[in-house]
Amino acid sequence: MTDRTAEAPSSATLSSTLVGRLRNAIMRGDLMPGTRLNLDRMRASFGVSLSPLREALCRLENDGLVTIVDQRGYRVTPVSAENLAEVIRLRVELEGMALREAIQHGDIAWEGRILAALHQLNRCKRSARSSIEEQEVWELAHRAFHAELIAACRMPLLQQFCATLHDQSDRYRRIFLKTHTPDRNVAEEHAAIADAVIKRRVREASAILRAHIERTGRNIQTALDHGLCST
């Protein structure tokens, strides 16, 4: 006798898969800020019932990527100068705190993982002519590098908050890059952060990370002020 429950993916598995697919679509800008999400259309497109779809959307709402509309519908969270400023300010404060904690507790193996993540990031292609696949590989390596910087922080909730804020910050940055060519040597900035961290220069590492995050915020803020990222 066949065990059907073993054959069919669980609701939780379906929900996690949907979260990943929708998150990627939002982060890439395939689903632009303010886009209304039609549940019936999405259900048919993904071939799922409403239950795992609603669960996935609730999880994305908790991450600030989706907003409830009229108590029943959903849309991709709009972008705004006010929200960007809040995200950047919180990211500076919380990621800086997590970095200081990580430097205090990190061991040599952690240092090695930072250098490995930086090396992998530097090997990824990223330019205006990069393919979508190459851009996605860079984004994954970029996220892995920033995650490794604070991986030795012994405060799981703080790491979780940092991850959520990084998601929201990255969404703004990736929308910005759809219409703007990078005008910074981000590789040098990453190398400077890693160098200060490995040398355990807490104040220097925190200051460089702060400048790195705030520079991104200022660039996107300028674009928002000129309506270049408006929805």
C-alpha atoms as a PDB file:
ATOM      1  CA  MET A   1       0.000   0.000   0.000  1.00  0.00           C
ATOM      2  CA  THR A   2       1.413   3.394  -1.020  1.00  0.00           C
ATOM      3  CA  ASP A   3       1.950   6.048   1.634  1.00  0.00           C
ATOM      4  CA  ARG A   4       0.549   9.133  -0.066  1.00  0.00           C
ATOM      5  CA  THR A   5       1.813  11.451   2.662  1.00  0.00           C
ATOM      6  CA  ALA A   6       5.351  10.370   1.824  1.00  0.00           C
ATOM      7  CA  GLU A   7       4.839  11.107  -1.867  1.00  0.00           C
ATOM      8  CA  ALA A   8       3.242  14.547  -1.639  1.00  0.00           C
ATOM      9  CA  PRO A   9       5.186  17.499  -0.221  1.00  0.00           C
ATOM     10  CA  SER A  10       3.822  18.794   3.070  1.00  0.00           C
ATOM     11  CA  SER A  11       2.131  22.156   3.402  1.00  0.00           C
ATOM     12  CA  ALA A  12       5.192  23.441   5.278  1.00  0.00           C
ATOM     13  CA  THR A  13       7.510  22.292   2.468  1.00  0.00           C
ATOM     14  CA  LEU A  14       5.309  23.902  -0.173  1.00  0.00           C
ATOM     15  CA  SER A  15       5.160  27.108   1.843  1.00  0.00           C
ATOM     16  CA  SER A  16       8.957  27.248   2.198  1.00  0.00           C
ATOM     17  CA  THR A  17       9.375  26.666  -1.530  1.00  0.00           C
ATOM     18  CA  LEU A  18       6.899  29.429  -2.302  1.00  0.00           C
ATOM     19  CA  VAL A  19       8.635  31.799   0.128  1.00  0.00           C
ATOM     20  CA  GLY A  20      11.905  31.233  -1.713  1.00  0.00           C
ATOM     21  CA  ARG A  21      10.396  31.745  -5.169  1.00  0.00           C
ATOM     22  CA  LEU A  22       8.428  34.843  -4.212  1.00  0.00           C
ATOM     23  CA  ARG A  23      11.325  36.317  -2.247  1.00  0.00           C
ATOM     24  CA  ASN A  24      13.613  35.915  -5.258  1.00  0.00           C
ATOM     25  CA  ALA A  25      11.030  37.526  -7.566  1.00  0.00           C
ATOM     26  CA  ILE A  26      10.653  40.490  -5.197  1.00  0.00           C
ATOM     27  CA  MET A  27      14.390  40.895  -4.626  1.00  0.00           C
ATOM     28  CA  ARG A  28      15.166  40.731  -8.372  1.00  0.00           C
ATOM     29  CA  GLY A  29      12.456  43.284  -9.098  1.00  0.00           C
ATOM     30  CA  ASP A  30      10.381  40.866 -11.168  1.00  0.00           C
ATOM     31  CA  LEU A  31       7.588  41.818  -8.771  1.00  0.00           C
ATOM     32  CA  MET A  32       8.027  45.560  -8.419  1.00  0.00           C
ATOM     33  CA  PRO A  33       7.152  47.571  -5.292  1.00  0.00           C
ATOM     34  CA  GLY A  34       3.417  48.199  -4.998  1.00  0.00           C
ATOM     35  CA  THR A  35       2.462  45.298  -7.296  1.00  0.00           C
ATOM     36  CA  ARG A  36      -0.901  43.788  -6.326  1.00  0.00           C
ATOM     37  CA  LEU A  37      -0.600  40.022  -5.838  1.00  0.00           C
ATOM     38  CA  ASN A  38      -3.538  38.141  -7.364  1.00  0.00           C
ATOM     39  CA  LEU A  39      -3.970  35.017  -5.238  1.00  0.00           C
ATOM     40  CA  ASP A  40      -6.040  33.095  -7.801  1.00  0.00           C
ATOM     41  CA  ARG A  41      -3.528  33.790 -10.544  1.00  0.00           C
ATOM     42  CA  MET A  42      -0.611  32.875  -8.290  1.00  0.00           C
ATOM     43  CA  ARG A  43      -2.327  29.710  -7.124  1.00  0.00           C
ATOM     44  CA  ALA A  44      -2.825  28.596 -10.703  1.00  0.00           C
ATOM     45  CA  SER A  45       0.711  29.600 -11.703  1.00  0.00           C
ATOM     46  CA  PHE A  46       2.367  27.704  -8.838  1.00  0.00           C
ATOM     47  CA  GLY A  47      -0.099  24.808  -8.890  1.00  0.00           C
ATOM     48  CA  VAL A  48      -0.839  25.016  -5.162  1.00  0.00           C
ATOM     49  CA  SER A  49      -3.819  25.523  -2.884  1.00  0.00           C
ATOM     50  CA  LEU A  50      -4.509  28.780  -1.092  1.00  0.00           C
ATOM     51  CA  SER A  51      -3.316  27.489   2.291  1.00  0.00           C
ATOM     52  CA  PRO A  52       0.460  27.239   1.605  1.00  0.00           C
ATOM     53  CA  LEU A  53       0.279  30.358  -0.556  1.00  0.00           C
ATOM     54  CA  ARG A  54      -1.247  32.419   2.248  1.00  0.00           C
ATOM     55  CA  GLU A  55       1.266  30.983   4.698  1.00  0.00           C
ATOM     56  CA  ALA A  56       4.127  32.010   2.413  1.00  0.00           C
ATOM     57  CA  LEU A  57       2.740  35.515   2.034  1.00  0.00           C
ATOM     58  CA  CYS A  58       2.351  35.859   5.810  1.00  0.00           C
ATOM     59  CA  ARG A  59       6.015  34.941   6.252  1.00  0.00           C
ATOM     60  CA  LEU A  60       7.019  37.504   3.649  1.00  0.00           C
ATOM     61  CA  GLU A  61       4.838  40.077   5.425  1.00  0.00           C
ATOM     62  CA  ASN A  62       6.776  39.392   8.628  1.00  0.00           C
ATOM     63  CA  ASP A  63       9.977  40.097   6.683  1.00  0.00           C
ATOM     64  CA  GLY A  64       8.556  43.412   5.447  1.00  0.00           C
ATOM     65  CA  LEU A  65       8.510  42.378   1.775  1.00  0.00           C
ATOM     66  CA  VAL A  66       4.720  42.017   1.431  1.00  0.00           C
ATOM     67  CA  THR A  67       1.887  44.160   2.803  1.00  0.00           C
ATOM     68  CA  ILE A  68      -1.736  43.187   3.513  1.00  0.00           C
ATOM     69  CA  VAL A  69      -4.315  45.217   1.587  1.00  0.00           C
ATOM     70  CA  ASP A  70      -7.924  45.539   2.767  1.00  0.00           C
ATOM     71  CA  GLN A  71      -7.467  42.639   5.224  1.00  0.00           C
ATOM     72  CA  ARG A  72      -7.630  40.092   2.378  1.00  0.00           C
ATOM     73  CA  GLY A  73      -5.301  40.959  -0.464  1.00  0.00           C
ATOM     74  CA  TYR A  74      -1.551  41.402  -0.669  1.00  0.00           C
ATOM     75  CA  ARG A  75       0.879  43.602  -2.517  1.00  0.00           C
ATOM     76  CA  VAL A  76       4.638  43.966  -2.672  1.00  0.00           C
ATOM     77  CA  THR A  77       5.647  46.510  -0.046  1.00  0.00           C
ATOM     78  CA  PRO A  78       6.128  49.927  -1.691  1.00  0.00           C
ATOM     79  CA  VAL A  79       9.429  51.780  -1.434  1.00  0.00           C
ATOM     80  CA  SER A  80       9.739  55.198   0.169  1.00  0.00           C
ATOM     81  CA  ALA A  81      12.420  57.598   1.328  1.00  0.00           C
ATOM     82  CA  GLU A  82      11.161  57.309   4.908  1.00  0.00           C
ATOM     83  CA  ASN A  83      11.312  53.523   4.924  1.00  0.00           C
ATOM     84  CA  LEU A  84      14.758  53.507   3.316  1.00  0.00           C
ATOM     85  CA  ALA A  85      16.095  55.898   5.963  1.00  0.00           C
ATOM     86  CA  GLU A  86      14.725  53.680   8.727  1.00  0.00           C
ATOM     87  CA  VAL A  87      16.164  50.510   7.172  1.00  0.00           C
ATOM     88  CA  ILE A  88      19.617  52.077   6.723  1.00  0.00           C
ATOM     89  CA  ARG A  89      19.684  53.554  10.229  1.00  0.00           C
ATOM     90  CA  LEU A  90      18.648  50.272  11.844  1.00  0.00           C
ATOM     91  CA  ARG A  91      21.029  48.270   9.708  1.00  0.00           C
ATOM     92  CA  VAL A  92      23.946  50.530  10.670  1.00  0.00           C
ATOM     93  CA  GLU A  93      23.175  50.210  14.369  1.00  0.00           C
ATOM     94  CA  LEU A  94      22.295  46.511  14.566  1.00  0.00           C
ATOM     95  CA  GLU A  95      24.832  45.192  12.060  1.00  0.00           C
ATOM     96  CA  GLY A  96      27.507  47.288  13.733  1.00  0.00           C
ATOM     97  CA  MET A  97      26.584  45.797  17.105  1.00  0.00           C
ATOM     98  CA  ALA A  98      26.625  42.275  15.652  1.00  0.00           C
ATOM     99  CA  LEU A  99      30.029  42.913  14.041  1.00  0.00           C
ATOM    100  CA  ARG A 100      31.527  44.066  17.333  1.00  0.00           C
ATOM    101  CA  GLU A 101      30.157  40.977  19.067  1.00  0.00           C
ATOM    102  CA  ALA A 102      31.527  38.743  16.312  1.00  0.00           C
ATOM    103  CA  ILE A 103      35.018  40.273  16.549  1.00  0.00           C
ATOM    104  CA  GLN A 104      34.966  39.680  20.288  1.00  0.00           C
ATOM    105  CA  HIS A 105      33.983  36.022  20.028  1.00  0.00           C
ATOM    106  CA  GLY A 106      35.206  34.905  16.601  1.00  0.00           C
ATOM    107  CA  ASP A 107      38.045  32.387  16.306  1.00  0.00           C
ATOM    108  CA  ILE A 108      40.649  31.673  13.616  1.00  0.00           C
ATOM    109  CA  ALA A 109      38.258  29.374  11.747  1.00  0.00           C
ATOM    110  CA  TRP A 110      35.790  32.273  11.526  1.00  0.00           C
ATOM    111  CA  GLU A 111      38.522  34.501  10.118  1.00  0.00           C
ATOM    112  CA  GLY A 112      39.218  31.859   7.487  1.00  0.00           C
ATOM    113  CA  ARG A 113      35.555  31.702   6.501  1.00  0.00           C
ATOM    114  CA  ILE A 114      35.468  35.485   6.065  1.00  0.00           C
ATOM    115  CA  LEU A 115      38.490  35.371   3.775  1.00  0.00           C
ATOM    116  CA  ALA A 116      36.991  32.465   1.825  1.00  0.00           C
ATOM    117  CA  ALA A 117      33.678  34.314   1.422  1.00  0.00           C
ATOM    118  CA  LEU A 118      35.525  37.442   0.266  1.00  0.00           C
ATOM    119  CA  HIS A 119      37.557  35.419  -2.244  1.00  0.00           C
ATOM    120  CA  GLN A 120      34.420  33.794  -3.646  1.00  0.00           C
ATOM    121  CA  LEU A 121      32.707  37.176  -3.896  1.00  0.00           C
ATOM    122  CA  ASN A 122      35.681  38.685  -5.732  1.00  0.00           C
ATOM    123  CA  ARG A 123      35.658  35.828  -8.233  1.00  0.00           C
ATOM    124  CA  CYS A 124      32.052  36.539  -9.216  1.00  0.00           C
ATOM    125  CA  LYS A 125      31.435  38.656 -12.296  1.00  0.00           C
ATOM    126  CA  ARG A 126      29.456  41.832 -11.829  1.00  0.00           C
ATOM    127  CA  SER A 127      29.057  44.565 -14.425  1.00  0.00           C
ATOM    128  CA  ALA A 128      26.400  46.275 -16.508  1.00  0.00           C
ATOM    129  CA  ARG A 129      26.917  43.504 -19.087  1.00  0.00           C
ATOM    130  CA  SER A 130      26.575  40.616 -16.620  1.00  0.00           C
ATOM    131  CA  SER A 131      23.867  38.063 -17.335  1.00  0.00           C
ATOM    132  CA  ILE A 132      20.979  37.572 -14.926  1.00  0.00           C
ATOM    133  CA  GLU A 133      22.585  34.310 -13.803  1.00  0.00           C
ATOM    134  CA  GLU A 134      25.920  36.025 -13.124  1.00  0.00           C
ATOM    135  CA  GLN A 135      24.177  38.775 -11.185  1.00  0.00           C
ATOM    136  CA  GLU A 136      22.350  36.208  -9.056  1.00  0.00           C
ATOM    137  CA  VAL A 137      25.595  34.370  -8.292  1.00  0.00           C
ATOM    138  CA  TRP A 138      27.161  37.683  -7.201  1.00  0.00           C
ATOM    139  CA  GLU A 139      24.169  38.487  -5.012  1.00  0.00           C
ATOM    140  CA  LEU A 140      24.391  35.130  -3.251  1.00  0.00           C
ATOM    141  CA  ALA A 141      28.128  35.553  -2.663  1.00  0.00           C
ATOM    142  CA  HIS A 142      27.596  39.143  -1.469  1.00  0.00           C
ATOM    143  CA  ARG A 143      24.980  38.055   1.027  1.00  0.00           C
ATOM    144  CA  ALA A 144      27.191  35.171   2.217  1.00  0.00           C
ATOM    145  CA  PHE A 145      30.090  37.552   2.845  1.00  0.00           C
ATOM    146  CA  HIS A 146      28.016  39.952   4.933  1.00  0.00           C
ATOM    147  CA  ALA A 147      26.460  37.040   6.844  1.00  0.00           C
ATOM    148  CA  GLU A 148      29.892  35.593   7.613  1.00  0.00           C
ATOM    149  CA  LEU A 149      31.098  38.905   9.023  1.00  0.00           C
ATOM    150  CA  ILE A 150      28.622  38.591  11.889  1.00  0.00           C
ATOM    151  CA  ALA A 151      28.416  34.784  12.043  1.00  0.00           C
ATOM    152  CA  ALA A 152      30.459  34.646  15.278  1.00  0.00           C
ATOM    153  CA  CYS A 153      27.998  36.934  17.057  1.00  0.00           C
ATOM    154  CA  ARG A 154      26.451  34.943  19.906  1.00  0.00           C
ATOM    155  CA  MET A 155      23.082  36.685  19.707  1.00  0.00           C
ATOM    156  CA  PRO A 156      20.751  34.709  17.378  1.00  0.00           C
ATOM    157  CA  LEU A 157      17.933  37.250  17.549  1.00  0.00           C
ATOM    158  CA  LEU A 158      20.294  40.042  16.581  1.00  0.00           C
ATOM    159  CA  GLN A 159      21.506  37.999  13.592  1.00  0.00           C
ATOM    160  CA  GLN A 160      17.886  37.400  12.598  1.00  0.00           C
ATOM    161  CA  PHE A 161      17.084  41.115  12.746  1.00  0.00           C
ATOM    162  CA  CYS A 162      20.191  41.858  10.675  1.00  0.00           C
ATOM    163  CA  ALA A 163      19.136  39.323   8.036  1.00  0.00           C
ATOM    164  CA  THR A 164      15.664  40.869   7.751  1.00  0.00           C
ATOM    165  CA  LEU A 165      17.077  44.372   7.413  1.00  0.00           C
ATOM    166  CA  HIS A 166      19.604  43.166   4.854  1.00  0.00           C
ATOM    167  CA  ASP A 167      16.748  41.750   2.775  1.00  0.00           C
ATOM    168  CA  GLN A 168      14.984  45.097   2.780  1.00  0.00           C
ATOM    169  CA  SER A 169      18.184  47.039   2.081  1.00  0.00           C
ATOM    170  CA  ASP A 170      19.109  44.682  -0.769  1.00  0.00           C
ATOM    171  CA  ARG A 171      15.699  45.140  -2.365  1.00  0.00           C
ATOM    172  CA  TYR A 172      16.249  48.889  -2.590  1.00  0.00           C
ATOM    173  CA  ARG A 173      19.784  48.404  -3.893  1.00  0.00           C
ATOM    174  CA  ARG A 174      18.755  45.918  -6.589  1.00  0.00           C
ATOM    175  CA  ILE A 175      15.919  48.145  -7.793  1.00  0.00           C
ATOM    176  CA  PHE A 176      18.415  51.016  -7.913  1.00  0.00           C
ATOM    177  CA  LEU A 177      20.873  48.968  -9.972  1.00  0.00           C
ATOM    178  CA  LYS A 178      18.217  48.198 -12.591  1.00  0.00           C
ATOM    179  CA  THR A 179      18.638  51.769 -13.839  1.00  0.00           C
ATOM    180  CA  HIS A 180      22.054  52.758 -12.480  1.00  0.00           C
ATOM    181  CA  THR A 181      25.562  51.559 -13.180  1.00  0.00           C
ATOM    182  CA  PRO A 182      27.659  50.985 -10.037  1.00  0.00           C
ATOM    183  CA  ASP A 183      29.934  54.010  -9.510  1.00  0.00           C
ATOM    184  CA  ARG A 184      31.936  52.647  -6.556  1.00  0.00           C
ATOM    185  CA  ASN A 185      34.674  50.132  -6.046  1.00  0.00           C
ATOM    186  CA  VAL A 186      32.609  47.917  -3.782  1.00  0.00           C
ATOM    187  CA  ALA A 187      35.270  45.189  -3.882  1.00  0.00           C
ATOM    188  CA  GLU A 188      37.729  47.560  -2.184  1.00  0.00           C
ATOM    189  CA  GLU A 189      35.150  48.411   0.459  1.00  0.00           C
ATOM    190  CA  HIS A 190      34.542  44.732   1.209  1.00  0.00           C
ATOM    191  CA  ALA A 191      38.282  44.051   1.381  1.00  0.00           C
ATOM    192  CA  ALA A 192      38.771  46.956   3.804  1.00  0.00           C
ATOM    193  CA  ILE A 193      36.020  45.664   6.093  1.00  0.00           C
ATOM    194  CA  ALA A 194      37.462  42.145   6.074  1.00  0.00           C
ATOM    195  CA  ASP A 195      40.999  43.405   6.731  1.00  0.00           C
ATOM    196  CA  ALA A 196      39.945  45.453   9.756  1.00  0.00           C
ATOM    197  CA  VAL A 197      37.891  42.565  11.110  1.00  0.00           C
ATOM    198  CA  ILE A 198      40.728  40.025  10.754  1.00  0.00           C
ATOM    199  CA  LYS A 199      43.095  42.447  12.504  1.00  0.00           C
ATOM    200  CA  ARG A 200      40.503  42.853  15.271  1.00  0.00           C
ATOM    201  CA  ARG A 201      40.351  46.611  14.838  1.00  0.00           C
ATOM    202  CA  VAL A 202      36.862  46.994  16.232  1.00  0.00           C
ATOM    203  CA  ARG A 203      36.390  50.745  15.794  1.00  0.00           C
ATOM    204  CA  GLU A 204      37.908  50.766  12.313  1.00  0.00           C
ATOM    205  CA  ALA A 205      35.832  47.789  11.149  1.00  0.00           C
ATOM    206  CA  SER A 206      32.647  49.334  12.544  1.00  0.00           C
ATOM    207  CA  ALA A 207      33.383  52.695  10.908  1.00  0.00           C
ATOM    208  CA  ILE A 208      34.118  51.157   7.503  1.00  0.00           C
ATOM    209  CA  LEU A 209      30.974  49.006   7.638  1.00  0.00           C
ATOM    210  CA  ARG A 210      28.921  52.041   8.648  1.00  0.00           C
ATOM    211  CA  ALA A 211      30.294  54.090   5.745  1.00  0.00           C
ATOM    212  CA  HIS A 212      29.683  51.171   3.370  1.00  0.00           C
ATOM    213  CA  ILE A 213      26.018  50.887   4.351  1.00  0.00           C
ATOM    214  CA  GLU A 214      25.370  54.636   4.494  1.00  0.00           C
ATOM    215  CA  ARG A 215      26.978  55.233   1.086  1.00  0.00           C
ATOM    216  CA  THR A 216      24.536  52.769  -0.441  1.00  0.00           C
ATOM    217  CA  GLY A 217      21.666  54.507   1.348  1.00  0.00           C
ATOM    218  CA  ARG A 218      22.685  57.957   0.091  1.00  0.00           C
ATOM    219  CA  ASN A 219      22.920  56.767  -3.520  1.00  0.00           C
ATOM    220  CA  ILE A 220      19.476  55.202  -3.405  1.00  0.00           C
ATOM    221  CA  GLN A 221      18.044  58.201  -1.544  1.00  0.00           C
ATOM    222  CA  THR A 222      19.237  60.507  -4.331  1.00  0.00           C
ATOM    223  CA  ALA A 223      17.514  58.281  -6.881  1.00  0.00           C
ATOM    224  CA  LEU A 224      14.296  58.299  -4.859  1.00  0.00           C
ATOM    225  CA  ASP A 225      14.419  62.099  -4.590  1.00  0.00           C
ATOM    226  CA  HIS A 226      14.576  62.278  -8.400  1.00  0.00           C
ATOM    227  CA  GLY A 227      11.784  59.770  -8.854  1.00  0.00           C
ATOM    228  CA  LEU A 228      14.074  57.218 -10.453  1.00  0.00           C
ATOM    229  CA  CYS A 229      12.921  54.400  -8.167  1.00  0.00           C
ATOM    230  CA  SER A 230       9.307  55.457  -7.860  1.00  0.00           C
ATOM    231  CA  THR A 231       6.444  53.024  -8.310  1.00  0.00           C
END
